[in-house]
């Protein structure tokens, strides 16, 4: 039993504050996972399973359709922004308020207060979303217990400012290495500068014109950017190695193989000695034509938008479960030191989901 239990009778905004006050940086989610598990096991209408620090709860009402509500319980590193703080303007401040403990609070409130939904429900709370793909808890559950994630439709409660965001873009990170020969900087002609050799790579990146494809009526915007450069030995040494790390955010109409091939093509002819795929997660098509997606959009209102970042709708798509992103919080505030959410937006998201699941 966790030292500080969760009270699911709290309204969604206060429950968000409680979740924020239980720190859960990536890799340190166990106390929060313990608290979530204990709170859900106290609900007689749910069956609860756990795998690592991932908790899955399900109704078993025999409905004709099953919906998965999923959210990650980890946050980026705390930046002096815990505990939470509610100001006089109704804004809740703190690490994870936006990404995505407000969405997790909505999940928990629906789990506690909708015992007989019109669709069977699966609630997934998972760890390590904010770090490398191979650590992702949803991926671990999908590999070990894919039956736990079966469903007809999934909603990932990532922050979307209360608007449906379809699909997600893929993200590919590669390391491009140039090589040279060390020499004393006073006699530079005796060596070859690997940092200088990286100039054509940077020139290609600066000149790159990204695609803006339209898929299911949503316009995605790709991007190819250097996100790090490493090189240099000492202040008096010509460097013999330089690494440019490049991130390609690509639209979901490209496969993983096509994304890698495209990046190779962009840098064809550059003096790249090594091309290393460092991390890769595919995108997910919007799937807005699916009947369950159409019904959800009609219920929550608004006009669907594309998801430019990567989210775990990609994993649900790979499992054959169409999924969308929908949750409280402005995604532009995610990961910021001044991360925050409008307190009233959290119960509003809960209300819309409740109406959809009880109509």
Protein backbone atom coordinates (compact mmCIF):
# COMPACT_ATOMS: atom_id res chain seq x y z
CA UNK A 1 0.00 0.00 0.00
CA UNK A 2 1.48 3.40 -0.93
CA UNK A 3 2.32 5.81 1.83
CA UNK A 4 0.06 8.50 0.33
CA UNK A 5 -3.09 7.01 -1.26
CA UNK A 6 -4.99 8.70 -4.06
CA UNK A 7 -8.51 9.95 -3.36
CA UNK A 8 -10.47 9.47 -6.58
CA UNK A 9 -13.42 11.41 -5.16
CA UNK A 10 -11.44 14.63 -5.64
CA UNK A 11 -12.49 16.71 -8.62
CA UNK A 12 -10.25 16.31 -11.66
CA UNK A 13 -8.27 19.52 -11.10
CA UNK A 14 -7.49 18.73 -7.44
CA UNK A 15 -6.64 15.15 -8.40
CA UNK A 16 -4.21 16.56 -10.98
CA UNK A 17 -2.53 18.56 -8.22
CA UNK A 18 -2.28 15.43 -6.09
CA UNK A 19 -0.66 13.52 -8.94
CA UNK A 20 1.84 16.32 -9.53
CA UNK A 21 2.74 16.26 -5.84
CA UNK A 22 3.68 12.58 -6.23
CA UNK A 23 6.89 13.06 -8.28
CA UNK A 24 7.38 10.49 -11.02
CA UNK A 25 10.29 11.45 -13.24
CA UNK A 26 11.06 8.82 -15.86
CA UNK A 27 12.55 5.76 -14.17
CA UNK A 28 11.09 6.69 -10.78
CA UNK A 29 7.40 5.96 -11.30
CA UNK A 30 6.98 3.15 -8.76
CA UNK A 31 5.39 5.20 -5.92
CA UNK A 32 2.82 6.67 -8.29
CA UNK A 33 2.19 3.31 -9.98
CA UNK A 34 1.64 1.81 -6.51
CA UNK A 35 -0.85 4.55 -5.65
CA UNK A 36 -2.75 4.16 -8.92
CA UNK A 37 -2.89 0.38 -8.57
CA UNK A 38 -4.22 0.59 -5.01
CA UNK A 39 -6.87 3.15 -5.97
CA UNK A 40 -8.09 1.06 -8.90
CA UNK A 41 -8.15 -2.22 -6.97
CA UNK A 42 -10.60 -0.56 -4.58
CA UNK A 43 -13.12 -0.24 -7.46
CA UNK A 44 -15.20 -3.44 -7.65
CA UNK A 45 -16.26 -2.96 -11.28
CA UNK A 46 -12.67 -3.16 -12.55
CA UNK A 47 -10.19 -6.00 -12.95
CA UNK A 48 -6.62 -4.80 -12.47
CA UNK A 49 -3.30 -6.13 -13.77
CA UNK A 50 0.22 -4.84 -13.35
CA UNK A 51 3.42 -5.39 -15.32
CA UNK A 52 6.42 -3.55 -13.94
CA UNK A 53 5.28 0.00 -13.25
CA UNK A 54 2.46 -0.28 -15.76
CA UNK A 55 -1.12 -0.67 -14.53
CA UNK A 56 -4.04 -1.85 -16.68
CA UNK A 57 -7.66 -1.89 -15.47
CA UNK A 58 -10.68 -3.16 -17.41
CA UNK A 59 -14.43 -3.43 -17.27
CA UNK A 60 -16.00 -6.72 -18.32
CA UNK A 61 -19.59 -5.81 -19.19
CA UNK A 62 -19.82 -7.65 -22.50
CA UNK A 63 -20.37 -4.48 -24.52
CA UNK A 64 -20.11 -4.66 -28.31
CA UNK A 65 -17.17 -2.24 -28.38
CA UNK A 66 -14.09 -1.69 -26.22
CA UNK A 67 -12.35 1.67 -25.87
CA UNK A 68 -8.85 2.09 -24.44
CA UNK A 69 -8.03 5.25 -22.46
CA UNK A 70 -4.25 5.50 -22.08
CA UNK A 71 -1.75 7.84 -20.49
CA UNK A 72 1.85 7.87 -19.28
CA UNK A 73 2.56 8.56 -15.62
CA UNK A 74 6.15 9.81 -15.95
CA UNK A 75 7.35 13.37 -16.38
CA UNK A 76 10.49 15.08 -17.59
CA UNK A 77 12.96 16.07 -14.83
CA UNK A 78 11.55 18.43 -12.22
CA UNK A 79 12.81 22.01 -12.62
CA UNK A 80 11.95 23.54 -9.27
CA UNK A 81 8.26 23.25 -10.18
CA UNK A 82 6.97 20.74 -7.62
CA UNK A 83 4.84 20.88 -5.49
CA UNK A 84 1.92 22.13 -7.55
CA UNK A 85 0.47 25.61 -7.08
CA UNK A 86 -3.01 26.94 -7.89
CA UNK A 87 -2.99 30.69 -8.48
CA UNK A 88 -5.79 33.23 -8.13
CA UNK A 89 -6.53 33.08 -11.86
CA UNK A 90 -7.47 29.40 -11.74
CA UNK A 91 -4.22 28.17 -13.26
CA UNK A 92 -2.54 25.07 -11.84
CA UNK A 93 1.27 25.18 -12.06
CA UNK A 94 3.78 22.36 -11.75
CA UNK A 95 5.77 19.64 -13.51
CA UNK A 96 3.37 17.34 -15.32
CA UNK A 97 0.28 19.52 -14.98
CA UNK A 98 0.06 19.66 -18.76
CA UNK A 99 2.07 16.60 -19.85
CA UNK A 100 0.21 14.66 -18.76
CA UNK A 101 -1.03 14.27 -15.22
CA UNK A 102 -4.16 16.25 -16.01
CA UNK A 103 -4.98 13.60 -18.63
CA UNK A 104 -4.18 10.84 -16.12
CA UNK A 105 -6.52 12.52 -13.63
CA UNK A 106 -9.29 12.40 -16.23
CA UNK A 107 -8.64 8.68 -16.76
CA UNK A 108 -8.81 8.01 -13.03
CA UNK A 109 -12.01 10.03 -12.61
CA UNK A 110 -13.71 8.14 -15.45
CA UNK A 111 -12.51 4.83 -13.98
CA UNK A 112 -13.96 5.73 -10.58
CA UNK A 113 -17.23 7.35 -11.59
CA UNK A 114 -18.44 5.52 -14.73
CA UNK A 115 -19.02 1.92 -13.54
CA UNK A 116 -21.41 1.05 -16.38
CA UNK A 117 -20.20 2.77 -19.56
CA UNK A 118 -21.90 2.23 -22.90
CA UNK A 119 -18.66 0.67 -24.15
CA UNK A 120 -16.30 -1.61 -22.26
CA UNK A 121 -13.28 0.36 -21.09
CA UNK A 122 -9.60 -0.39 -20.65
CA UNK A 123 -7.48 2.07 -18.66
CA UNK A 124 -3.72 1.98 -19.27
CA UNK A 125 -1.22 3.84 -17.08
CA UNK A 126 2.37 3.32 -18.21
CA UNK A 127 5.91 4.44 -17.46
CA UNK A 128 8.97 5.80 -19.29
CA UNK A 129 7.28 7.60 -22.16
CA UNK A 130 9.53 10.66 -21.94
CA UNK A 131 12.76 8.73 -22.58
CA UNK A 132 14.20 6.38 -25.21
CA UNK A 133 11.69 4.24 -27.11
CA UNK A 134 13.09 0.91 -25.87
CA UNK A 135 12.19 1.88 -22.27
CA UNK A 136 8.57 2.76 -23.04
CA UNK A 137 6.19 0.93 -20.70
CA UNK A 138 3.38 0.73 -23.25
CA UNK A 139 5.78 -1.00 -25.60
CA UNK A 140 6.71 -3.47 -22.84
CA UNK A 141 3.05 -4.25 -22.16
CA UNK A 142 2.36 -4.64 -25.88
CA UNK A 143 5.20 -7.16 -26.15
CA UNK A 144 4.40 -9.16 -23.01
CA UNK A 145 0.61 -8.88 -22.78
CA UNK A 146 -0.85 -7.66 -26.09
CA UNK A 147 -4.27 -8.99 -25.06
CA UNK A 148 -4.41 -6.36 -22.30
CA UNK A 149 -4.45 -3.65 -24.98
CA UNK A 150 -7.06 -5.11 -27.29
CA UNK A 151 -9.77 -2.66 -28.31
CA UNK A 152 -11.77 -1.13 -31.12
CA UNK A 153 -10.58 2.42 -30.54
CA UNK A 154 -8.09 4.20 -28.26
CA UNK A 155 -7.81 7.70 -26.86
CA UNK A 156 -4.40 8.85 -25.66
CA UNK A 157 -4.97 11.66 -23.17
CA UNK A 158 -1.92 13.68 -24.17
CA UNK A 159 -2.35 17.47 -23.99
CA UNK A 160 -4.18 18.77 -27.06
CA UNK A 161 -5.89 21.86 -25.63
CA UNK A 162 -9.19 19.99 -25.67
CA UNK A 163 -9.07 19.31 -29.43
CA UNK A 164 -8.83 15.96 -31.21
CA UNK A 165 -5.42 15.48 -32.81
CA UNK A 166 -5.21 12.69 -35.37
CA UNK A 167 -2.32 10.28 -35.78
CA UNK A 168 1.23 11.38 -35.09
CA UNK A 169 4.43 12.01 -36.94
CA UNK A 170 7.32 9.57 -36.83
CA UNK A 171 10.62 10.52 -35.27
CA UNK A 172 13.99 9.30 -36.48
CA UNK A 173 17.31 10.26 -34.92
CA UNK A 174 20.55 9.49 -36.77
CA UNK A 175 24.19 10.20 -36.03
CA UNK A 176 26.29 11.31 -39.00
CA UNK A 177 30.02 10.94 -38.36
CA UNK A 178 32.83 12.57 -40.26
CA UNK A 179 36.45 11.54 -39.76
CA UNK A 180 39.74 13.34 -40.14
CA UNK A 181 43.29 13.08 -38.83
CA UNK A 182 44.65 14.59 -35.64
CA UNK A 183 47.48 17.09 -35.75
CA UNK A 184 48.87 19.95 -33.69
CA UNK A 185 46.79 23.04 -34.47
CA UNK A 186 50.03 24.97 -35.09
CA UNK A 187 50.68 22.56 -37.99
CA UNK A 188 47.11 22.00 -39.13
CA UNK A 189 48.21 21.08 -42.66
CA UNK A 190 49.57 17.85 -41.21
CA UNK A 191 46.04 16.69 -40.32
CA UNK A 192 42.45 16.78 -41.55
CA UNK A 193 39.73 18.60 -39.63
CA UNK A 194 36.66 16.42 -39.08
CA UNK A 195 34.58 19.39 -37.85
CA UNK A 196 35.23 21.25 -41.11
CA UNK A 197 34.22 18.12 -42.99
CA UNK A 198 30.77 18.38 -41.41
CA UNK A 199 30.07 21.68 -43.21
CA UNK A 200 28.31 20.04 -46.21
CA UNK A 201 25.95 18.26 -43.79
CA UNK A 202 24.95 21.58 -42.23
CA UNK A 203 24.56 23.16 -45.66
CA UNK A 204 22.13 20.40 -46.71
CA UNK A 205 20.14 20.90 -43.51
CA UNK A 206 19.96 24.68 -43.96
CA UNK A 207 18.71 24.27 -47.52
CA UNK A 208 16.23 21.47 -46.77
CA UNK A 209 12.62 22.13 -47.76
CA UNK A 210 10.24 19.92 -45.75
CA UNK A 211 7.08 18.36 -47.13
CA UNK A 212 3.59 19.40 -45.95
CA UNK A 213 1.42 16.44 -46.99
CA UNK A 214 -2.35 16.37 -46.42
CA UNK A 215 -3.66 13.09 -44.97
CA UNK A 216 -7.34 12.57 -44.09
CA UNK A 217 -7.78 16.31 -44.46
CA UNK A 218 -4.99 17.10 -41.97
CA UNK A 219 -1.83 18.93 -43.05
CA UNK A 220 1.36 17.57 -41.48
CA UNK A 221 4.66 19.47 -41.49
CA UNK A 222 7.88 17.51 -41.65
CA UNK A 223 11.21 18.74 -40.31
CA UNK A 224 14.87 17.74 -40.63
CA UNK A 225 17.17 19.42 -38.14
CA UNK A 226 20.55 19.12 -36.46
CA UNK A 227 19.96 18.77 -32.72
CA UNK A 228 23.56 18.28 -31.57
CA UNK A 229 27.15 18.54 -32.81
CA UNK A 230 30.04 16.87 -31.04
CA UNK A 231 33.68 17.28 -31.95
CA UNK A 232 37.00 18.44 -30.65
CA UNK A 233 39.81 17.02 -28.56
CA UNK A 234 41.66 19.94 -27.03
CA UNK A 235 42.31 23.60 -27.72
CA UNK A 236 45.48 22.81 -29.64
CA UNK A 237 44.44 19.66 -31.52
CA UNK A 238 42.86 19.29 -34.95
CA UNK A 239 39.82 17.04 -34.34
CA UNK A 240 39.72 13.68 -36.05
CA UNK A 241 36.05 12.95 -35.36
CA UNK A 242 32.81 14.95 -35.54
CA UNK A 243 29.24 13.73 -35.01
CA UNK A 244 26.16 15.61 -36.17
CA UNK A 245 22.94 14.29 -34.64
CA UNK A 246 19.96 14.83 -36.92
CA UNK A 247 16.27 14.47 -36.03
CA UNK A 248 13.77 13.78 -38.80
CA UNK A 249 10.11 14.35 -37.89
CA UNK A 250 8.16 12.78 -40.71
CA UNK A 251 4.52 12.54 -41.76
CA UNK A 252 2.71 9.25 -41.12
CA UNK A 253 2.39 8.40 -44.81
CA UNK A 254 6.08 7.37 -44.73
CA UNK A 255 7.14 3.96 -43.43
CA UNK A 256 10.16 3.58 -41.16
CA UNK A 257 12.18 2.23 -44.07
CA UNK A 258 11.15 5.13 -46.30
CA UNK A 259 12.13 7.64 -43.61
CA UNK A 260 15.63 6.17 -43.26
CA UNK A 261 16.04 6.01 -47.02
CA UNK A 262 15.00 9.64 -47.35
CA UNK A 263 17.57 10.84 -44.83
CA UNK A 264 20.28 8.82 -46.56
CA UNK A 265 19.28 10.42 -49.84
CA UNK A 266 19.44 13.95 -48.38
CA UNK A 267 23.06 13.46 -47.32
CA UNK A 268 24.17 11.48 -50.35
CA UNK A 269 27.55 12.78 -51.48
CA UNK A 270 28.46 14.29 -48.09
CA UNK A 271 31.69 13.00 -46.48
CA UNK A 272 29.78 10.81 -43.99
CA UNK A 273 31.91 7.93 -42.76
CA UNK A 274 29.23 6.45 -40.49
CA UNK A 275 25.43 6.67 -40.63
CA UNK A 276 23.97 5.31 -37.36
CA UNK A 277 20.26 5.09 -36.54
CA UNK A 278 20.20 6.11 -32.89
CA UNK A 279 16.45 6.03 -32.16
CA UNK A 280 13.35 5.48 -34.27
CA UNK A 281 9.60 5.44 -33.63
CA UNK A 282 7.16 5.28 -36.55
CA UNK A 283 4.21 7.57 -37.08
CA UNK A 284 0.52 6.67 -37.12
CA UNK A 285 -2.10 7.51 -39.72
CA UNK A 286 -5.02 9.62 -38.43
CA UNK A 287 -7.67 6.94 -38.90
CA UNK A 288 -10.41 9.57 -38.62
CA UNK A 289 -12.64 7.66 -41.03
CA UNK A 290 -13.08 4.84 -38.52
CA UNK A 291 -16.69 4.82 -37.17
CA UNK A 292 -15.53 4.97 -33.55
CA UNK A 293 -13.28 7.94 -34.33
CA UNK A 294 -16.12 9.76 -36.08
CA UNK A 295 -18.43 9.14 -33.11
CA UNK A 296 -15.79 10.40 -30.70
CA UNK A 297 -15.15 13.58 -32.70
CA UNK A 298 -18.88 14.25 -32.89
CA UNK A 299 -19.21 13.78 -29.13
CA UNK A 300 -16.31 16.04 -28.02
CA UNK A 301 -16.72 18.65 -30.76
CA UNK A 302 -14.18 20.87 -32.47
CA UNK A 303 -12.21 20.36 -35.68
CA UNK A 304 -9.53 17.65 -35.72
CA UNK A 305 -5.93 18.76 -36.04
CA UNK A 306 -2.74 16.89 -36.97
CA UNK A 307 -0.40 15.77 -34.20
CA UNK A 308 3.05 17.10 -35.07
CA UNK A 309 4.89 15.41 -32.21
CA UNK A 310 5.25 11.67 -31.68
CA UNK A 311 2.88 9.95 -29.28
CA UNK A 312 1.96 6.39 -28.43
CA UNK A 313 -0.98 6.40 -30.82
CA UNK A 314 1.76 4.92 -33.00
CA UNK A 315 1.92 1.82 -30.79
CA UNK A 316 -1.85 1.39 -30.84
CA UNK A 317 -1.83 1.77 -34.61
CA UNK A 318 0.77 -1.01 -34.84
CA UNK A 319 -1.55 -3.21 -32.75
CA UNK A 320 -4.41 -2.55 -35.18
CA UNK A 321 -6.25 -0.21 -32.79
CA UNK A 322 -7.15 3.17 -34.36
CA UNK A 323 -6.29 5.95 -31.92
CA UNK A 324 -6.43 9.71 -31.46
CA UNK A 325 -4.90 12.19 -29.03
CA UNK A 326 -7.26 14.16 -26.82
CA UNK A 327 -6.67 15.78 -23.45
CA UNK A 328 -6.57 18.98 -21.40
CA UNK A 329 -3.56 21.25 -21.47
CA UNK A 330 -1.73 23.27 -24.10
CA UNK A 331 0.95 21.06 -25.71
CA UNK A 332 3.14 24.15 -26.22
CA UNK A 333 3.59 24.29 -22.42
CA UNK A 334 4.78 20.69 -22.09
CA UNK A 335 8.28 20.25 -20.59
CA UNK A 336 8.62 23.94 -19.71
CA UNK A 337 9.79 25.22 -16.34
CA UNK A 338 6.53 27.22 -16.18
CA UNK A 339 4.37 24.23 -17.19
CA UNK A 340 0.75 24.78 -16.28
CA UNK A 341 -2.85 23.94 -17.08
CA UNK A 342 -6.08 25.88 -16.74
CA UNK A 343 -7.77 24.12 -13.83
CA UNK A 344 -11.22 24.34 -15.42
CA UNK A 345 -10.00 22.54 -18.56
CA UNK A 346 -9.46 19.29 -16.67
CA UNK A 347 -13.05 18.66 -15.49
CA UNK A 348 -14.24 19.91 -18.88
CA UNK A 349 -12.31 17.11 -20.61
CA UNK A 350 -13.71 14.67 -18.07
CA UNK A 351 -17.25 15.92 -18.76
CA UNK A 352 -16.93 15.44 -22.51
CA UNK A 353 -15.57 11.92 -22.12
CA UNK A 354 -18.27 11.05 -19.60
CA UNK A 355 -21.01 12.21 -21.95
CA UNK A 356 -19.55 10.13 -24.78
CA UNK A 357 -19.31 7.04 -22.57
CA UNK A 358 -22.74 7.34 -20.99
CA UNK A 359 -24.91 8.69 -23.82
